[in-house]
Amino acid sequence: MSGENCNQPGQTVAQRLLEIANTLKPQAEGRIYCEQANAPFLRAGGRPEDYRAGISHLQTEGMIIMHPSGAFFQLTDKGRA
């Protein structure tokens, strides 16, 4: 993954994280626990700093709403596939 994200890390990684998140089954109230998206991302070769950049980009673009605890997020209508 590191080769993909040289020019626009937040946007490229955000796109991959969104793909992962849309394959996951949300828990109560549409919550997706961060480790559910983080684990497959890291297994695919992603780096923790790229994960953080991607999550930040998704928040900025209004595709997810991160819980204040940072433990989970919810996809917005814009973020759903």
Protein backbone atom coordinates (compact mmCIF):
# COMPACT_ATOMS: atom_id res chain seq x y z
CA MET A 1 0.00 0.00 0.00
CA SER A 2 2.82 2.40 0.67
CA GLY A 3 3.57 2.78 -3.04
CA GLU A 4 -0.01 3.85 -3.75
CA ASN A 5 -0.12 6.69 -1.30
CA CYS A 6 2.95 8.79 -2.10
CA ASN A 7 1.13 11.74 -3.68
CA GLN A 8 -2.21 11.86 -1.88
CA PRO A 9 -1.97 9.61 1.16
CA GLY A 10 -5.16 10.71 2.85
CA GLN A 11 -7.35 10.40 -0.23
CA THR A 12 -5.94 7.10 -1.52
CA VAL A 13 -5.97 5.43 1.88
CA ALA A 14 -9.40 6.87 2.65
CA GLN A 15 -10.76 5.22 -0.47
CA ARG A 16 -9.34 1.84 0.62
CA LEU A 17 -10.64 2.26 4.18
CA LEU A 18 -14.08 3.12 2.83
CA GLU A 19 -14.04 -0.04 0.73
CA ILE A 20 -13.14 -2.07 3.83
CA ALA A 21 -15.74 -0.34 6.01
CA ASN A 22 -18.50 -0.97 3.50
CA THR A 23 -17.82 -4.72 3.67
CA LEU A 24 -18.15 -4.83 7.46
CA LYS A 25 -21.30 -5.54 9.41
CA PRO A 26 -21.95 -2.58 11.71
CA GLN A 27 -22.69 -3.21 15.36
CA ALA A 28 -25.44 -1.52 17.38
CA GLU A 29 -26.48 1.89 16.06
CA GLY A 30 -24.36 1.47 12.93
CA ARG A 31 -21.06 1.49 14.81
CA ILE A 32 -17.97 0.15 13.12
CA TYR A 33 -15.22 -0.45 15.62
CA CYS A 34 -11.90 0.92 14.43
CA GLU A 35 -10.10 -2.41 14.84
CA GLN A 36 -12.58 -3.94 12.37
CA ALA A 37 -11.28 -1.63 9.63
CA ASN A 38 -7.73 -1.27 10.94
CA ALA A 39 -6.85 -4.99 11.03
CA PRO A 40 -7.56 -5.77 7.35
CA PHE A 41 -5.90 -2.51 6.34
CA LEU A 42 -2.70 -3.36 8.22
CA ARG A 43 -2.73 -6.98 7.00
CA ALA A 44 -2.82 -5.65 3.43
CA GLY A 45 0.41 -3.72 4.07
CA GLY A 46 -0.99 -0.42 5.28
CA ARG A 47 0.91 1.61 7.86
CA PRO A 48 -0.58 3.06 11.07
CA GLU A 49 0.23 6.64 10.00
CA ASP A 50 -1.56 6.06 6.69
CA TYR A 51 -4.58 4.68 8.55
CA ARG A 52 -4.75 7.84 10.66
CA ALA A 53 -4.44 10.04 7.55
CA GLY A 54 -7.20 8.09 5.83
CA ILE A 55 -9.56 8.30 8.79
CA SER A 56 -8.88 12.03 9.06
CA HIS A 57 -9.66 12.48 5.36
CA LEU A 58 -12.93 10.54 5.68
CA GLN A 59 -13.96 12.76 8.59
CA THR A 60 -13.06 15.94 6.71
CA GLU A 61 -15.05 14.80 3.68
CA GLY A 62 -18.09 13.96 5.84
CA MET A 63 -18.01 10.25 4.98
CA ILE A 64 -17.71 9.05 8.57
CA ILE A 65 -18.56 10.36 11.99
CA MET A 66 -15.94 9.39 14.55
CA HIS A 67 -17.11 8.85 18.11
CA PRO A 68 -15.34 11.18 20.58
CA SER A 69 -13.75 8.14 22.25
CA GLY A 70 -12.06 7.22 18.97
CA ALA A 71 -13.13 3.59 19.41
CA PHE A 72 -15.63 3.49 16.57
CA PHE A 73 -17.13 5.42 13.70
CA GLN A 74 -20.33 5.46 11.70
CA LEU A 75 -20.64 5.75 7.95
CA THR A 76 -22.70 8.68 6.73
CA ASP A 77 -24.92 8.45 3.67
CA LYS A 78 -22.04 9.95 1.70
CA GLY A 79 -19.71 7.18 2.92
CA ARG A 80 -21.97 4.24 2.16
CA ALA A 81 -21.35 2.37 -1.08
